[in-house]
């Protein structure tokens, strides 16, 4: 396990983000898409995650807001 439980690895088509702790674990795959054409291969992960959370928070869906609060995840654009 990594010191902070998060590791980013290059994959054949994009990025693979491993998120692991002793209670839960998963992998986030980021691959090129119609929205990522503007970004370099090195920054595709940051671009995809920022764009995803921006659109997710723009939905103003109470269920999404509750889940994000439950897990202590908040997002704002800079």
N, C-alpha and C. Protein backbone atom coordinates (compact mmCIF):
# COMPACT_ATOMS: atom_id res chain seq x y z
N UNK A 1 0.85 -1.18 0.00
CA UNK A 1 0.00 0.00 0.00
C UNK A 1 0.89 1.24 0.00
N UNK A 2 0.47 2.27 -0.72
CA UNK A 2 1.21 3.52 -0.75
C UNK A 2 1.00 4.28 0.56
N UNK A 3 1.90 5.21 0.87
CA UNK A 3 1.79 5.94 2.14
C UNK A 3 0.44 6.64 2.35
N UNK A 4 -0.16 7.14 1.28
CA UNK A 4 -1.43 7.87 1.41
C UNK A 4 -2.60 7.09 0.82
N UNK A 5 -2.35 5.88 0.36
CA UNK A 5 -3.41 5.04 -0.17
C UNK A 5 -3.84 5.38 -1.59
N UNK A 6 -3.15 6.30 -2.26
CA UNK A 6 -3.50 6.69 -3.62
C UNK A 6 -2.24 6.61 -4.48
N UNK A 7 -2.33 5.89 -5.59
CA UNK A 7 -1.21 5.86 -6.52
C UNK A 7 -1.75 6.04 -7.94
N UNK A 8 -1.00 6.77 -8.74
CA UNK A 8 -1.38 7.03 -10.13
C UNK A 8 -0.35 6.36 -11.02
N UNK A 9 -0.84 5.54 -11.94
CA UNK A 9 0.05 4.82 -12.84
C UNK A 9 -0.37 5.07 -14.28
N UNK A 10 0.61 5.12 -15.16
CA UNK A 10 0.31 5.21 -16.58
C UNK A 10 -0.24 3.89 -17.05
N UNK A 11 -1.27 3.93 -17.85
CA UNK A 11 -1.85 2.74 -18.46
C UNK A 11 -1.67 2.87 -19.97
N UNK A 12 -1.96 1.84 -20.70
CA UNK A 12 -1.73 1.87 -22.15
C UNK A 12 -2.52 2.98 -22.84
N UNK A 13 -3.70 3.28 -22.35
CA UNK A 13 -4.53 4.30 -22.98
C UNK A 13 -4.77 5.54 -22.13
N UNK A 14 -4.29 5.58 -20.91
CA UNK A 14 -4.57 6.74 -20.06
C UNK A 14 -3.91 6.60 -18.71
N UNK A 15 -4.70 6.66 -17.66
CA UNK A 15 -4.20 6.58 -16.29
C UNK A 15 -5.00 5.57 -15.49
N UNK A 16 -4.35 5.00 -14.49
CA UNK A 16 -5.02 4.10 -13.56
C UNK A 16 -4.73 4.63 -12.16
N UNK A 17 -5.77 4.93 -11.40
CA UNK A 17 -5.61 5.47 -10.06
C UNK A 17 -6.09 4.41 -9.07
N UNK A 18 -5.16 3.91 -8.27
CA UNK A 18 -5.50 2.93 -7.24
C UNK A 18 -5.77 3.67 -5.94
N UNK A 19 -6.92 3.40 -5.35
CA UNK A 19 -7.28 3.99 -4.06
C UNK A 19 -7.52 2.84 -3.09
N UNK A 20 -6.73 2.82 -2.01
CA UNK A 20 -6.74 1.66 -1.13
C UNK A 20 -6.57 2.07 0.33
N UNK A 21 -7.36 1.47 1.18
CA UNK A 21 -7.15 1.54 2.62
C UNK A 21 -7.53 0.18 3.18
N UNK A 22 -7.43 -0.01 4.47
CA UNK A 22 -7.72 -1.32 5.04
C UNK A 22 -9.22 -1.66 5.01
N UNK A 23 -10.08 -0.68 4.68
CA UNK A 23 -11.52 -0.91 4.71
C UNK A 23 -12.17 -1.01 3.33
N UNK A 24 -11.57 -0.38 2.35
CA UNK A 24 -12.17 -0.35 1.01
C UNK A 24 -11.06 -0.08 -0.01
N UNK A 25 -11.25 -0.59 -1.23
CA UNK A 25 -10.25 -0.38 -2.27
C UNK A 25 -10.92 -0.37 -3.63
N UNK A 26 -10.30 0.30 -4.58
CA UNK A 26 -10.83 0.33 -5.93
C UNK A 26 -9.83 0.93 -6.89
N UNK A 27 -10.18 0.89 -8.17
CA UNK A 27 -9.34 1.44 -9.23
C UNK A 27 -10.20 2.36 -10.08
N UNK A 28 -9.70 3.56 -10.35
CA UNK A 28 -10.35 4.50 -11.25
C UNK A 28 -9.55 4.48 -12.55
N UNK A 29 -10.21 4.16 -13.66
CA UNK A 29 -9.56 4.15 -14.96
C UNK A 29 -9.91 5.43 -15.70
N UNK A 30 -8.92 6.09 -16.24
CA UNK A 30 -9.16 7.29 -17.04
C UNK A 30 -8.58 7.05 -18.43
N UNK A 31 -9.43 7.13 -19.43
CA UNK A 31 -9.02 6.89 -20.81
C UNK A 31 -9.42 8.10 -21.66
N UNK A 32 -8.79 8.27 -22.82
CA UNK A 32 -9.16 9.38 -23.69
C UNK A 32 -10.66 9.36 -24.03
N UNK A 33 -11.24 10.54 -24.09
CA UNK A 33 -12.66 10.66 -24.42
C UNK A 33 -12.87 11.92 -25.25
N UNK A 34 -14.11 12.15 -25.64
CA UNK A 34 -14.40 13.33 -26.47
C UNK A 34 -14.11 14.63 -25.74
N UNK A 35 -14.09 14.61 -24.41
CA UNK A 35 -13.82 15.82 -23.65
C UNK A 35 -12.35 16.00 -23.30
N UNK A 36 -11.53 14.98 -23.54
CA UNK A 36 -10.13 15.08 -23.12
C UNK A 36 -9.18 15.45 -24.25
N UNK A 37 -9.67 15.70 -25.43
CA UNK A 37 -8.80 15.98 -26.57
C UNK A 37 -7.96 17.23 -26.36
N UNK A 38 -8.39 18.13 -25.51
CA UNK A 38 -7.67 19.40 -25.31
C UNK A 38 -6.46 19.25 -24.41
N UNK A 39 -6.31 18.11 -23.76
CA UNK A 39 -5.30 17.94 -22.73
C UNK A 39 -4.16 17.03 -23.19
N UNK A 40 -2.99 17.23 -22.61
CA UNK A 40 -1.86 16.35 -22.89
C UNK A 40 -2.07 15.01 -22.19
N UNK A 41 -1.35 13.97 -22.66
CA UNK A 41 -1.46 12.65 -22.04
C UNK A 41 -1.07 12.71 -20.56
N UNK A 42 -0.10 13.53 -20.23
CA UNK A 42 0.36 13.64 -18.85
C UNK A 42 -0.72 14.21 -17.92
N UNK A 43 -1.56 15.09 -18.44
CA UNK A 43 -2.56 15.76 -17.61
C UNK A 43 -3.98 15.24 -17.78
N UNK A 44 -4.14 14.16 -18.53
CA UNK A 44 -5.49 13.66 -18.79
C UNK A 44 -6.21 13.27 -17.50
N UNK A 45 -5.48 12.74 -16.52
CA UNK A 45 -6.11 12.34 -15.26
C UNK A 45 -6.70 13.52 -14.51
N UNK A 46 -5.91 14.58 -14.35
CA UNK A 46 -6.38 15.77 -13.66
C UNK A 46 -7.53 16.42 -14.42
N UNK A 47 -7.41 16.47 -15.74
CA UNK A 47 -8.45 17.07 -16.58
C UNK A 47 -9.76 16.31 -16.44
N UNK A 48 -9.70 14.99 -16.50
CA UNK A 48 -10.92 14.18 -16.42
C UNK A 48 -11.57 14.27 -15.04
N UNK A 49 -10.76 14.20 -13.98
CA UNK A 49 -11.34 14.25 -12.63
C UNK A 49 -11.94 15.62 -12.34
N UNK A 50 -11.23 16.69 -12.70
CA UNK A 50 -11.76 18.04 -12.46
C UNK A 50 -13.04 18.27 -13.27
N UNK A 51 -13.04 17.85 -14.51
CA UNK A 51 -14.23 18.02 -15.35
C UNK A 51 -15.41 17.20 -14.84
N UNK A 52 -15.13 15.97 -14.43
CA UNK A 52 -16.17 15.10 -13.89
C UNK A 52 -16.81 15.71 -12.65
N UNK A 53 -15.98 16.13 -11.69
CA UNK A 53 -16.53 16.70 -10.47
C UNK A 53 -17.23 18.04 -10.72
N UNK A 54 -16.74 18.81 -11.67
CA UNK A 54 -17.43 20.06 -12.02
C UNK A 54 -18.83 19.77 -12.52
N UNK A 55 -18.94 18.84 -13.47
CA UNK A 55 -20.26 18.50 -14.01
C UNK A 55 -21.15 17.83 -12.97
N UNK A 56 -20.57 16.98 -12.15
CA UNK A 56 -21.34 16.31 -11.10
C UNK A 56 -21.92 17.33 -10.12
N UNK A 57 -21.11 18.29 -9.69
CA UNK A 57 -21.61 19.29 -8.74
C UNK A 57 -22.58 20.27 -9.41
N UNK A 58 -22.44 20.50 -10.70
CA UNK A 58 -23.37 21.38 -11.42
C UNK A 58 -24.77 20.79 -11.53
N UNK A 59 -24.90 19.48 -11.34
CA UNK A 59 -26.23 18.84 -11.42
C UNK A 59 -27.15 19.29 -10.29
N UNK A 60 -26.56 19.74 -9.19
CA UNK A 60 -27.33 20.17 -8.02
C UNK A 60 -28.38 19.12 -7.64
N UNK A 61 -27.93 17.88 -7.56
CA UNK A 61 -28.78 16.74 -7.22
C UNK A 61 -28.60 16.45 -5.73
N UNK A 62 -29.69 16.44 -4.99
CA UNK A 62 -29.59 16.26 -3.54
C UNK A 62 -29.01 14.90 -3.16
N UNK A 63 -29.29 13.87 -3.93
CA UNK A 63 -28.73 12.54 -3.63
C UNK A 63 -27.21 12.55 -3.80
N UNK A 64 -26.73 13.17 -4.84
CA UNK A 64 -25.29 13.28 -5.06
C UNK A 64 -24.66 14.10 -3.95
N UNK A 65 -25.28 15.22 -3.59
CA UNK A 65 -24.76 16.05 -2.51
C UNK A 65 -24.69 15.28 -1.20
N UNK A 66 -25.71 14.47 -0.90
CA UNK A 66 -25.72 13.68 0.34
C UNK A 66 -24.60 12.65 0.35
N UNK A 67 -24.39 11.98 -0.78
CA UNK A 67 -23.31 10.98 -0.85
C UNK A 67 -21.95 11.65 -0.69
N UNK A 68 -21.76 12.78 -1.35
CA UNK A 68 -20.48 13.48 -1.23
C UNK A 68 -20.25 13.94 0.21
N UNK A 69 -21.29 14.44 0.88
CA UNK A 69 -21.15 14.85 2.28
C UNK A 69 -20.88 13.64 3.17
N UNK A 70 -21.55 12.53 2.89
CA UNK A 70 -21.34 11.31 3.67
C UNK A 70 -19.87 10.91 3.68
N UNK A 71 -19.21 11.04 2.53
CA UNK A 71 -17.82 10.64 2.39
C UNK A 71 -16.85 11.80 2.60
N UNK A 72 -17.35 12.97 2.86
CA UNK A 72 -16.48 14.12 3.13
C UNK A 72 -15.76 14.60 1.88
N UNK A 73 -16.44 14.54 0.73
CA UNK A 73 -15.85 15.00 -0.52
C UNK A 73 -16.57 16.26 -0.97
N UNK A 74 -15.82 17.31 -1.16
CA UNK A 74 -16.36 18.59 -1.61
C UNK A 74 -15.53 19.04 -2.81
N UNK A 75 -16.14 19.74 -3.72
CA UNK A 75 -15.44 20.19 -4.92
C UNK A 75 -15.85 21.62 -5.23
N UNK A 76 -14.87 22.41 -5.60
CA UNK A 76 -15.15 23.75 -6.12
C UNK A 76 -14.14 24.04 -7.21
N UNK A 77 -14.55 24.79 -8.20
CA UNK A 77 -13.64 25.15 -9.27
C UNK A 77 -12.73 26.29 -8.81
N UNK A 78 -11.56 26.38 -9.42
CA UNK A 78 -10.61 27.44 -9.05
C UNK A 78 -10.51 28.48 -10.14
